[in-house]
Each structure stands twice: as C-alpha cells, then as structure tokens.
Amino acid sequence: MLGHVRIKQNGDGKMAGRKLKIGIIFAMAAVAGMPAAASACDISHGVRAKIDSGSYRATLNGVLLKDTGVKVSSGTEPVSQPSTEYILSEWLVPGKNIVNIDYKGSAAAFEIFARCKGEYDDHDIVDSVRFTSSSSGQLSFEHEGPLDYNYLKADIAGDEGLQDAVKKLQDAARSGDVETVVRMHEPMIEEFGKYIGGADRFRTYLRTILSSHPAVIAETYTVTPVMGGRVYEIFGPDNQPLISVSGKMDGGSFSWPGGVYWTRFGDEWAVVSN
C-alpha cells in the first residue's frame, strides 16, 4: 500500500522524480493485481442439512423448502450419510431472512453458508444449529444485494378475493380453459423469462400440455400466509399442488404443478411461483 512517500533529491532532481513515478506505477499495478476483498464478491446463501437420523421441515421466510436439495459428500463423511444443500435464490427479502426448522430425530445439524456465486467452496458459515433430540430451531442471514422478484411488488392487504380466484383457476383447469390458466400464472411466467429466458416458449409449452392432458385438481386445500402476508401458499392433501398436469410427450415424461404461491396486485390475484 502507498501509505507514505518520501521524495529524495540527489544531484539530478528529474531522475529522482522519474524513479518515483515508476515506483508509484508499479505499486498501483501490484495493488490492482491483488485479489479482491472477500466481501466484494457476489454472495449467495444456502442451507446445509446433515441428518444422522429422523426427518425435518424447513421454511425460508415461511415458504417451504422443498426436497430438491443437492446431495453432497465430503472426503471425511461416508457416502451413505451425505449432507443436503439448498441454494437460497428465491423467497428472499431485503435485509434479515429467517430459516425455521422443525426436526424430529436424535442427531442433525443445520448451517447457513455464504458462498461467492460461481464457486463451490464456502466463503463463511453465517449461522448454525445442532439437534440431539426432536425440537425446533431458527437460523438467519442478511441479504444485501438487489432483488427484483414480482412477489416483492405484491400488495399486503389480506386474503379477500383469494378463494374466488382459486375457484376460478380450478374451474378453468377442470373445463379446459387453457388461456385462463395461463393468464393466472402470468407473473410466474414473466419471472421465468426474466431469470431463465424463453417466456414465450414457456407459454407455448403450458398451452400444449394443458390442452392435451387432463388436469388433476385438489378439491380440498390449505391456505397459509407466508412472507409476512405478502404471499399465500396453497397446497392440497399431502402437499400436492392445487392443479397438476402430467404425462408423456416427445418421448419423455413430464409433470407440472400449478396454483401454489399466490399474490395480490391491486384487485387481482395471480400465481407467482409453483
């Protein structure tokens, strides 16, 4: 670092000044070539679960973390007991985020890790909790980056009109009204296009499967407010989606869930995620 520079005059002041300038240039180049500070990387957070026995239910800001975590094993752990990692990229809020864990068993550990995006090694362990019996615990972390999810733009104004919107979606799926089903999922489709790309192709895909395969509709369901009442989570029995379509197409199998996470934009309810 260039903390203090002393100018030494000798017989040739110009030469001394030239050496000083060259020294500063080399020093600045060295600083520029140094690795960036750890905090300068684009940080993402995740949950790591290490389960020796039992089962658990985990939520992020009230939203259920589905069992889609990546199974990983370290060199010191037996392959039969891998840990599970969930990268937390959705259902984030600015500032403090809460992960709640309900655990049933006798031995488990959970931790929040921070990682530079694009890397596989942990940058830091932010929070952790260990269980030796059935209990509940909470982890937290701070999200500092920008967020532009549609659910953050939704109104927090109670659930008035939600039941009517759910019935409208059920009736549309039951009668084969494909355009209504697609339109009620428009915020989710827009989000797909924003972060993955191909929103129009996704709409075409939904129209194709909805018009060629019968939908399964959950006639009974449970409504749970999450994200501080900004989002409503709707599941049928055994955590089944409100509507679903599955079958075979183009030589492969598919399954699509619909109508799970709802938000209110003004007077209109719509699905923001499944």
C-alpha atoms as a PDB file:
ATOM      1  CA  MET A   1       0.000   0.000   0.000  1.00  0.00           C
ATOM      2  CA  LEU A   2       1.124   3.567  -0.667  1.00  0.00           C
ATOM      3  CA  GLY A   3       0.915   4.908   2.845  1.00  0.00           C
ATOM      4  CA  HIS A   4       3.745   7.447   2.792  1.00  0.00           C
ATOM      5  CA  VAL A   5       6.079   8.604   0.004  1.00  0.00           C
ATOM      6  CA  ARG A   6       9.324  10.438   0.661  1.00  0.00           C
ATOM      7  CA  ILE A   7      10.953  12.313  -2.230  1.00  0.00           C
ATOM      8  CA  LYS A   8      14.722  12.103  -2.110  1.00  0.00           C
ATOM      9  CA  GLN A   9      16.624  14.752  -4.014  1.00  0.00           C
ATOM     10  CA  ASN A  10      20.006  13.862  -5.411  1.00  0.00           C
ATOM     11  CA  GLY A  11      22.112  15.552  -7.974  1.00  0.00           C
ATOM     12  CA  ASP A  12      19.504  15.052 -10.655  1.00  0.00           C
ATOM     13  CA  GLY A  13      16.069  16.028  -9.453  1.00  0.00           C
ATOM     14  CA  LYS A  14      14.467  14.923 -12.740  1.00  0.00           C
ATOM     15  CA  MET A  15      15.845  11.398 -12.425  1.00  0.00           C
ATOM     16  CA  ALA A  16      14.607  11.112  -8.824  1.00  0.00           C
ATOM     17  CA  GLY A  17      11.145  12.250  -9.910  1.00  0.00           C
ATOM     18  CA  ARG A  18      11.167   9.756 -12.772  1.00  0.00           C
ATOM     19  CA  LYS A  19      12.075   6.902 -10.419  1.00  0.00           C
ATOM     20  CA  LEU A  20       9.326   7.995  -8.050  1.00  0.00           C
ATOM     21  CA  LYS A  21       6.715   7.952 -10.830  1.00  0.00           C
ATOM     22  CA  ILE A  22       7.838   4.496 -11.986  1.00  0.00           C
ATOM     23  CA  GLY A  23       7.698   3.225  -8.422  1.00  0.00           C
ATOM     24  CA  ILE A  24       4.175   4.530  -7.969  1.00  0.00           C
ATOM     25  CA  ILE A  25       3.077   2.938 -11.257  1.00  0.00           C
ATOM     26  CA  PHE A  26       4.473  -0.454 -10.207  1.00  0.00           C
ATOM     27  CA  ALA A  27       2.894  -0.144  -6.772  1.00  0.00           C
ATOM     28  CA  MET A  28      -0.504   0.746  -8.250  1.00  0.00           C
ATOM     29  CA  ALA A  29      -0.252  -2.185 -10.655  1.00  0.00           C
ATOM     30  CA  ALA A  30       0.539  -4.505  -7.763  1.00  0.00           C
ATOM     31  CA  VAL A  31      -2.481  -3.266  -5.822  1.00  0.00           C
ATOM     32  CA  ALA A  32      -4.716  -3.666  -8.870  1.00  0.00           C
ATOM     33  CA  GLY A  33      -3.496  -7.237  -9.310  1.00  0.00           C
ATOM     34  CA  MET A  34      -4.215  -8.226  -5.712  1.00  0.00           C
ATOM     35  CA  PRO A  35      -7.247 -10.479  -5.146  1.00  0.00           C
ATOM     36  CA  ALA A  36     -10.420  -8.544  -4.453  1.00  0.00           C
ATOM     37  CA  ALA A  37     -11.568  -8.424  -0.875  1.00  0.00           C
ATOM     38  CA  ALA A  38     -13.779 -11.353   0.054  1.00  0.00           C
ATOM     39  CA  SER A  39     -16.724  -9.054   0.665  1.00  0.00           C
ATOM     40  CA  ALA A  40     -16.503  -7.735  -2.905  1.00  0.00           C
ATOM     41  CA  CYS A  41     -17.726 -10.986  -4.482  1.00  0.00           C
ATOM     42  CA  ASP A  42     -21.382 -11.571  -5.322  1.00  0.00           C
ATOM     43  CA  ILE A  43     -22.540 -13.533  -2.283  1.00  0.00           C
ATOM     44  CA  SER A  44     -25.280 -16.159  -2.305  1.00  0.00           C
ATOM     45  CA  HIS A  45     -26.553 -18.045   0.737  1.00  0.00           C
ATOM     46  CA  GLY A  46     -27.653 -21.593   1.258  1.00  0.00           C
ATOM     47  CA  VAL A  47     -28.736 -24.125   3.871  1.00  0.00           C
ATOM     48  CA  ARG A  48     -26.730 -27.277   4.558  1.00  0.00           C
ATOM     49  CA  ALA A  49     -28.520 -30.096   6.387  1.00  0.00           C
ATOM     50  CA  LYS A  50     -26.623 -33.040   7.881  1.00  0.00           C
ATOM     51  CA  ILE A  51     -29.096 -35.652   9.077  1.00  0.00           C
ATOM     52  CA  ASP A  52     -27.918 -38.712  11.002  1.00  0.00           C
ATOM     53  CA  SER A  53     -31.474 -39.781  11.821  1.00  0.00           C
ATOM     54  CA  GLY A  54     -35.037 -38.569  11.582  1.00  0.00           C
ATOM     55  CA  SER A  55     -36.735 -36.019   9.331  1.00  0.00           C
ATOM     56  CA  TYR A  56     -37.274 -32.274   9.170  1.00  0.00           C
ATOM     57  CA  ARG A  57     -39.334 -29.481   7.713  1.00  0.00           C
ATOM     58  CA  ALA A  58     -37.598 -26.222   6.828  1.00  0.00           C
ATOM     59  CA  THR A  59     -39.001 -22.896   5.641  1.00  0.00           C
ATOM     60  CA  LEU A  60     -37.450 -19.687   4.329  1.00  0.00           C
ATOM     61  CA  ASN A  61     -39.462 -16.655   5.411  1.00  0.00           C
ATOM     62  CA  GLY A  62     -42.377 -19.031   5.885  1.00  0.00           C
ATOM     63  CA  VAL A  63     -42.098 -20.709   2.460  1.00  0.00           C
ATOM     64  CA  LEU A  64     -41.490 -24.451   2.490  1.00  0.00           C
ATOM     65  CA  LEU A  65     -38.057 -25.552   1.276  1.00  0.00           C
ATOM     66  CA  LYS A  66     -38.933 -28.460  -0.983  1.00  0.00           C
ATOM     67  CA  ASP A  67     -36.788 -31.573  -1.015  1.00  0.00           C
ATOM     68  CA  THR A  68     -34.827 -30.547  -4.086  1.00  0.00           C
ATOM     69  CA  GLY A  69     -31.508 -30.004  -2.353  1.00  0.00           C
ATOM     70  CA  VAL A  70     -28.262 -31.211  -3.905  1.00  0.00           C
ATOM     71  CA  LYS A  71     -26.777 -34.228  -2.134  1.00  0.00           C
ATOM     72  CA  VAL A  72     -23.054 -33.775  -1.459  1.00  0.00           C
ATOM     73  CA  SER A  73     -20.459 -35.875   0.373  1.00  0.00           C
ATOM     74  CA  SER A  74     -17.101 -34.777   1.710  1.00  0.00           C
ATOM     75  CA  GLY A  75     -13.999 -36.911   1.945  1.00  0.00           C
ATOM     76  CA  THR A  76     -14.492 -37.319   5.680  1.00  0.00           C
ATOM     77  CA  GLU A  77     -18.160 -38.354   5.577  1.00  0.00           C
ATOM     78  CA  PRO A  78     -19.471 -41.743   4.462  1.00  0.00           C
ATOM     79  CA  VAL A  79     -21.311 -41.593   1.168  1.00  0.00           C
ATOM     80  CA  SER A  80     -24.336 -43.164   2.849  1.00  0.00           C
ATOM     81  CA  GLN A  81     -24.716 -40.056   5.029  1.00  0.00           C
ATOM     82  CA  PRO A  82     -24.354 -37.093   2.679  1.00  0.00           C
ATOM     83  CA  SER A  83     -25.360 -33.575   3.525  1.00  0.00           C
ATOM     84  CA  THR A  84     -28.029 -31.739   1.564  1.00  0.00           C
ATOM     85  CA  GLU A  85     -27.516 -28.202   0.272  1.00  0.00           C
ATOM     86  CA  TYR A  86     -30.223 -25.747  -0.725  1.00  0.00           C
ATOM     87  CA  ILE A  87     -29.119 -22.615  -2.551  1.00  0.00           C
ATOM     88  CA  LEU A  88     -31.468 -19.851  -1.385  1.00  0.00           C
ATOM     89  CA  SER A  89     -32.199 -17.927  -4.566  1.00  0.00           C
ATOM     90  CA  GLU A  90     -35.951 -17.370  -4.219  1.00  0.00           C
ATOM     91  CA  TRP A  91     -38.264 -16.070  -1.478  1.00  0.00           C
ATOM     92  CA  LEU A  92     -35.586 -13.694  -0.263  1.00  0.00           C
ATOM     93  CA  VAL A  93     -36.334 -10.304   1.245  1.00  0.00           C
ATOM     94  CA  PRO A  94     -34.011  -7.321   1.678  1.00  0.00           C
ATOM     95  CA  GLY A  95     -32.176  -7.427   4.996  1.00  0.00           C
ATOM     96  CA  LYS A  96     -32.823 -10.187   7.526  1.00  0.00           C
ATOM     97  CA  ASN A  97     -34.053 -13.570   6.261  1.00  0.00           C
ATOM     98  CA  ILE A  98     -35.281 -16.343   8.560  1.00  0.00           C
ATOM     99  CA  VAL A  99     -34.970 -20.131   8.150  1.00  0.00           C
ATOM    100  CA  ASN A 100     -37.141 -22.098  10.594  1.00  0.00           C
ATOM    101  CA  ILE A 101     -36.508 -25.796  11.155  1.00  0.00           C
ATOM    102  CA  ASP A 102     -38.788 -28.381  12.760  1.00  0.00           C
ATOM    103  CA  TYR A 103     -36.743 -31.509  13.386  1.00  0.00           C
ATOM    104  CA  LYS A 104     -37.839 -34.981  14.502  1.00  0.00           C
ATOM    105  CA  GLY A 105     -34.993 -37.308  15.407  1.00  0.00           C
ATOM    106  CA  SER A 106     -31.914 -37.655  17.584  1.00  0.00           C
ATOM    107  CA  ALA A 107     -28.990 -36.186  15.631  1.00  0.00           C
ATOM    108  CA  ALA A 108     -28.838 -33.443  12.996  1.00  0.00           C
ATOM    109  CA  ALA A 109     -27.045 -30.207  12.209  1.00  0.00           C
ATOM    110  CA  PHE A 110     -28.018 -27.269  10.009  1.00  0.00           C
ATOM    111  CA  GLU A 111     -25.995 -24.268   8.918  1.00  0.00           C
ATOM    112  CA  ILE A 112     -26.288 -21.215   6.713  1.00  0.00           C
ATOM    113  CA  PHE A 113     -23.307 -20.846   4.405  1.00  0.00           C
ATOM    114  CA  ALA A 114     -22.255 -17.868   2.321  1.00  0.00           C
ATOM    115  CA  ARG A 115     -20.574 -18.523  -0.991  1.00  0.00           C
ATOM    116  CA  CYS A 116     -19.282 -16.424  -3.865  1.00  0.00           C
ATOM    117  CA  LYS A 117     -21.530 -17.111  -6.846  1.00  0.00           C
ATOM    118  CA  GLY A 118     -19.886 -19.466  -9.303  1.00  0.00           C
ATOM    119  CA  GLU A 119     -17.700 -21.060  -6.628  1.00  0.00           C
ATOM    120  CA  TYR A 120     -18.109 -24.298  -4.694  1.00  0.00           C
ATOM    121  CA  ASP A 121     -16.216 -23.536  -1.501  1.00  0.00           C
ATOM    122  CA  ASP A 122     -17.822 -21.759   1.442  1.00  0.00           C
ATOM    123  CA  HIS A 123     -16.898 -18.137   1.974  1.00  0.00           C
ATOM    124  CA  ASP A 124     -18.270 -18.192   5.523  1.00  0.00           C
ATOM    125  CA  ILE A 125     -20.606 -20.057   7.884  1.00  0.00           C
ATOM    126  CA  VAL A 126     -23.137 -17.427   8.906  1.00  0.00           C
ATOM    127  CA  ASP A 127     -25.265 -19.339  11.413  1.00  0.00           C
ATOM    128  CA  SER A 128     -25.714 -22.910  12.647  1.00  0.00           C
ATOM    129  CA  VAL A 129     -27.814 -25.069  14.946  1.00  0.00           C
ATOM    130  CA  ARG A 130     -27.396 -28.656  16.168  1.00  0.00           C
ATOM    131  CA  PHE A 131     -30.112 -31.039  17.368  1.00  0.00           C
ATOM    132  CA  THR A 132     -29.732 -34.004  19.729  1.00  0.00           C
ATOM    133  CA  SER A 133     -33.475 -34.587  20.067  1.00  0.00           C
ATOM    134  CA  SER A 134     -36.731 -33.536  18.394  1.00  0.00           C
ATOM    135  CA  SER A 135     -37.028 -29.777  18.557  1.00  0.00           C
ATOM    136  CA  SER A 136     -37.321 -26.548  16.578  1.00  0.00           C
ATOM    137  CA  GLY A 137     -34.615 -24.049  15.692  1.00  0.00           C
ATOM    138  CA  GLN A 138     -34.055 -20.866  13.729  1.00  0.00           C
ATOM    139  CA  LEU A 139     -31.254 -19.591  11.517  1.00  0.00           C
ATOM    140  CA  SER A 140     -30.878 -16.154   9.956  1.00  0.00           C
ATOM    141  CA  PHE A 141     -28.766 -14.273   7.438  1.00  0.00           C
ATOM    142  CA  GLU A 142     -28.647 -10.832   5.853  1.00  0.00           C
ATOM    143  CA  HIS A 143     -29.264 -10.342   2.144  1.00  0.00           C
ATOM    144  CA  GLU A 144     -27.599  -7.176   0.898  1.00  0.00           C
ATOM    145  CA  GLY A 145     -27.882  -7.373  -2.878  1.00  0.00           C
ATOM    146  CA  PRO A 146     -30.668  -6.046  -5.123  1.00  0.00           C
ATOM    147  CA  LEU A 147     -33.877  -8.062  -5.505  1.00  0.00           C
ATOM    148  CA  ASP A 148     -36.397  -7.721  -8.318  1.00  0.00           C
ATOM    149  CA  TYR A 149     -38.880 -10.536  -7.778  1.00  0.00           C
ATOM    150  CA  ASN A 150     -42.550  -9.980  -8.598  1.00  0.00           C
ATOM    151  CA  TYR A 151     -43.671 -11.148  -5.157  1.00  0.00           C
ATOM    152  CA  LEU A 152     -41.888  -8.165  -3.590  1.00  0.00           C
ATOM    153  CA  LYS A 153     -44.150  -5.872  -5.631  1.00  0.00           C
ATOM    154  CA  ALA A 154     -47.332  -7.520  -4.352  1.00  0.00           C
ATOM    155  CA  ASP A 155     -49.796  -5.853  -2.002  1.00  0.00           C
ATOM    156  CA  ILE A 156     -50.131  -6.832   1.651  1.00  0.00           C
ATOM    157  CA  ALA A 157     -53.877  -6.352   2.017  1.00  0.00           C
ATOM    158  CA  GLY A 158     -55.324  -9.555   3.454  1.00  0.00           C
ATOM    159  CA  ASP A 159     -56.793 -12.527   1.610  1.00  0.00           C
ATOM    160  CA  GLU A 160     -60.072 -11.000   0.396  1.00  0.00           C
ATOM    161  CA  GLY A 161     -60.910 -12.411  -3.013  1.00  0.00           C
ATOM    162  CA  LEU A 162     -58.341 -15.239  -2.845  1.00  0.00           C
ATOM    163  CA  GLN A 163     -60.920 -18.020  -2.501  1.00  0.00           C
ATOM    164  CA  ASP A 164     -62.761 -16.708  -5.565  1.00  0.00           C
ATOM    165  CA  ALA A 165     -59.522 -16.630  -7.545  1.00  0.00           C
ATOM    166  CA  VAL A 166     -58.688 -20.199  -6.504  1.00  0.00           C
ATOM    167  CA  LYS A 167     -62.127 -21.394  -7.615  1.00  0.00           C
ATOM    168  CA  LYS A 168     -61.695 -19.579 -10.919  1.00  0.00           C
ATOM    169  CA  LEU A 169     -58.415 -21.432 -11.543  1.00  0.00           C
ATOM    170  CA  GLN A 170     -59.917 -24.774 -10.531  1.00  0.00           C
ATOM    171  CA  ASP A 171     -62.918 -24.267 -12.818  1.00  0.00           C
ATOM    172  CA  ALA A 172     -60.682 -23.214 -15.717  1.00  0.00           C
ATOM    173  CA  ALA A 173     -58.449 -26.283 -15.300  1.00  0.00           C
ATOM    174  CA  ARG A 174     -61.490 -28.544 -14.977  1.00  0.00           C
ATOM    175  CA  SER A 175     -63.199 -27.186 -18.101  1.00  0.00           C
ATOM    176  CA  GLY A 176     -60.067 -26.954 -20.248  1.00  0.00           C
ATOM    177  CA  ASP A 177     -59.981 -23.140 -20.331  1.00  0.00           C
ATOM    178  CA  VAL A 178     -56.270 -23.062 -21.117  1.00  0.00           C
ATOM    179  CA  GLU A 179     -55.970 -19.316 -21.648  1.00  0.00           C
ATOM    180  CA  THR A 180     -57.375 -18.511 -18.193  1.00  0.00           C
ATOM    181  CA  VAL A 181     -54.970 -20.959 -16.538  1.00  0.00           C
ATOM    182  CA  VAL A 182     -52.014 -19.435 -18.403  1.00  0.00           C
ATOM    183  CA  ARG A 183     -53.130 -15.858 -17.710  1.00  0.00           C
ATOM    184  CA  MET A 184     -53.463 -16.518 -13.970  1.00  0.00           C
ATOM    185  CA  HIS A 185     -49.833 -17.741 -13.951  1.00  0.00           C
ATOM    186  CA  GLU A 186     -48.527 -14.727 -15.872  1.00  0.00           C
ATOM    187  CA  PRO A 187     -46.334 -13.261 -13.048  1.00  0.00           C
ATOM    188  CA  MET A 188     -44.638 -16.657 -12.729  1.00  0.00           C
ATOM    189  CA  ILE A 189     -44.095 -16.840 -16.489  1.00  0.00           C
ATOM    190  CA  GLU A 190     -42.643 -13.313 -16.547  1.00  0.00           C
ATOM    191  CA  GLU A 191     -40.255 -14.283 -13.753  1.00  0.00           C
ATOM    192  CA  PHE A 192     -39.197 -17.364 -15.700  1.00  0.00           C
ATOM    193  CA  GLY A 193     -38.418 -15.211 -18.722  1.00  0.00           C
ATOM    194  CA  LYS A 194     -36.501 -12.683 -16.643  1.00  0.00           C
ATOM    195  CA  TYR A 195     -34.166 -15.117 -14.908  1.00  0.00           C
ATOM    196  CA  ILE A 196     -34.049 -18.085 -17.294  1.00  0.00           C
ATOM    197  CA  GLY A 197     -35.303 -16.800 -20.631  1.00  0.00           C
ATOM    198  CA  GLY A 198     -37.866 -18.015 -23.138  1.00  0.00           C
ATOM    199  CA  ALA A 199     -41.121 -16.771 -21.590  1.00  0.00           C
ATOM    200  CA  ASP A 200     -42.987 -17.188 -24.890  1.00  0.00           C
ATOM    201  CA  ARG A 201     -41.713 -20.746 -25.272  1.00  0.00           C
ATOM    202  CA  PHE A 202     -42.866 -21.456 -21.719  1.00  0.00           C
ATOM    203  CA  ARG A 203     -46.348 -20.125 -22.507  1.00  0.00           C
ATOM    204  CA  THR A 204     -46.471 -22.346 -25.598  1.00  0.00           C
ATOM    205  CA  TYR A 205     -45.361 -25.336 -23.532  1.00  0.00           C
ATOM    206  CA  LEU A 206     -48.097 -24.717 -20.941  1.00  0.00           C
ATOM    207  CA  ARG A 207     -50.744 -24.358 -23.619  1.00  0.00           C
ATOM    208  CA  THR A 208     -49.594 -27.614 -25.202  1.00  0.00           C
ATOM    209  CA  ILE A 209     -49.666 -29.761 -22.079  1.00  0.00           C
ATOM    210  CA  LEU A 210     -52.860 -28.193 -20.713  1.00  0.00           C
ATOM    211  CA  SER A 211     -54.730 -28.760 -23.970  1.00  0.00           C
ATOM    212  CA  SER A 212     -53.504 -32.329 -24.487  1.00  0.00           C
ATOM    213  CA  HIS A 213     -53.551 -33.777 -20.946  1.00  0.00           C
ATOM    214  CA  PRO A 214     -56.245 -33.687 -18.245  1.00  0.00           C
ATOM    215  CA  ALA A 215     -55.503 -31.655 -15.132  1.00  0.00           C
ATOM    216  CA  VAL A 216     -55.756 -33.102 -11.639  1.00  0.00           C
ATOM    217  CA  ILE A 217     -57.468 -30.658  -9.284  1.00  0.00           C
ATOM    218  CA  ALA A 218     -57.204 -30.685  -5.485  1.00  0.00           C
ATOM    219  CA  GLU A 219     -60.770 -30.242  -4.264  1.00  0.00           C
ATOM    220  CA  THR A 220     -59.659 -29.544  -0.677  1.00  0.00           C
ATOM    221  CA  TYR A 221     -56.694 -27.391   0.221  1.00  0.00           C
ATOM    222  CA  THR A 222     -54.983 -25.420   2.944  1.00  0.00           C
ATOM    223  CA  VAL A 223     -54.138 -21.711   2.676  1.00  0.00           C
ATOM    224  CA  THR A 224     -51.107 -20.447   4.596  1.00  0.00           C
ATOM    225  CA  PRO A 225     -49.880 -16.819   4.591  1.00  0.00           C
ATOM    226  CA  VAL A 226     -46.095 -16.578   4.172  1.00  0.00           C
ATOM    227  CA  MET A 227     -43.575 -13.803   3.540  1.00  0.00           C
ATOM    228  CA  GLY A 228     -45.291 -11.639   6.147  1.00  0.00           C
ATOM    229  CA  GLY A 229     -48.667 -11.927   4.425  1.00  0.00           C
ATOM    230  CA  ARG A 230     -47.319 -10.853   1.030  1.00  0.00           C
ATOM    231  CA  VAL A 231     -47.667 -14.375  -0.414  1.00  0.00           C
ATOM    232  CA  TYR A 232     -50.225 -17.144   0.194  1.00  0.00           C
ATOM    233  CA  GLU A 233     -49.195 -20.777  -0.077  1.00  0.00           C
ATOM    234  CA  ILE A 234     -51.889 -23.242  -1.199  1.00  0.00           C
ATOM    235  CA  PHE A 235     -51.465 -27.000  -1.018  1.00  0.00           C
ATOM    236  CA  GLY A 236     -53.889 -29.867  -1.348  1.00  0.00           C
ATOM    237  CA  PRO A 237     -53.656 -33.066   0.732  1.00  0.00           C
ATOM    238  CA  ASP A 238     -50.089 -34.363   1.290  1.00  0.00           C
ATOM    239  CA  ASN A 239     -48.579 -31.117  -0.043  1.00  0.00           C
ATOM    240  CA  GLN A 240     -49.983 -31.711  -3.507  1.00  0.00           C
ATOM    241  CA  PRO A 241     -50.361 -28.649  -5.797  1.00  0.00           C
ATOM    242  CA  LEU A 242     -53.755 -27.094  -6.389  1.00  0.00           C
ATOM    243  CA  ILE A 243     -53.671 -28.268 -10.005  1.00  0.00           C
ATOM    244  CA  SER A 244     -51.222 -30.550 -11.784  1.00  0.00           C
ATOM    245  CA  VAL A 245     -50.698 -32.000 -15.240  1.00  0.00           C
ATOM    246  CA  SER A 246     -48.518 -34.995 -16.017  1.00  0.00           C
ATOM    247  CA  GLY A 247     -47.992 -37.457 -18.817  1.00  0.00           C
ATOM    248  CA  LYS A 248     -45.713 -38.337 -21.704  1.00  0.00           C
ATOM    249  CA  MET A 249     -44.676 -36.081 -24.541  1.00  0.00           C
ATOM    250  CA  ASP A 250     -41.884 -36.118 -27.145  1.00  0.00           C
ATOM    251  CA  GLY A 251     -40.618 -39.457 -25.906  1.00  0.00           C
ATOM    252  CA  GLY A 252     -40.315 -38.389 -22.254  1.00  0.00           C
ATOM    253  CA  SER A 253     -42.364 -37.857 -19.120  1.00  0.00           C
ATOM    254  CA  PHE A 254     -43.342 -34.529 -17.589  1.00  0.00           C
ATOM    255  CA  SER A 255     -45.124 -33.218 -14.517  1.00  0.00           C
ATOM    256  CA  TRP A 256     -46.200 -29.606 -13.986  1.00  0.00           C
ATOM    257  CA  PRO A 257     -47.676 -28.204 -10.740  1.00  0.00           C
ATOM    258  CA  GLY A 258     -49.821 -25.081 -10.720  1.00  0.00           C
ATOM    259  CA  GLY A 259     -51.578 -22.659  -8.399  1.00  0.00           C
ATOM    260  CA  VAL A 260     -49.250 -22.936  -5.385  1.00  0.00           C
ATOM    261  CA  TYR A 261     -47.981 -19.441  -4.460  1.00  0.00           C
ATOM    262  CA  TRP A 262     -50.411 -16.534  -4.875  1.00  0.00           C
ATOM    263  CA  THR A 263     -50.027 -12.796  -4.531  1.00  0.00           C
ATOM    264  CA  ARG A 264     -52.316  -9.833  -4.900  1.00  0.00           C
ATOM    265  CA  PHE A 265     -51.648  -6.995  -7.333  1.00  0.00           C
ATOM    266  CA  GLY A 266     -54.303  -4.362  -6.733  1.00  0.00           C
ATOM    267  CA  ASP A 267     -57.639  -6.154  -7.027  1.00  0.00           C
ATOM    268  CA  GLU A 268     -56.268  -9.134  -8.961  1.00  0.00           C
ATOM    269  CA  TRP A 269     -54.828 -12.378  -7.587  1.00  0.00           C
ATOM    270  CA  ALA A 270     -52.255 -14.327  -9.583  1.00  0.00           C
ATOM    271  CA  VAL A 271     -49.742 -17.161  -9.185  1.00  0.00           C
ATOM    272  CA  VAL A 272     -46.106 -16.071  -8.792  1.00  0.00           C
ATOM    273  CA  SER A 273     -44.452 -19.455  -8.305  1.00  0.00           C
ATOM    274  CA  ASN A 274     -45.054 -23.167  -8.068  1.00  0.00           C
END
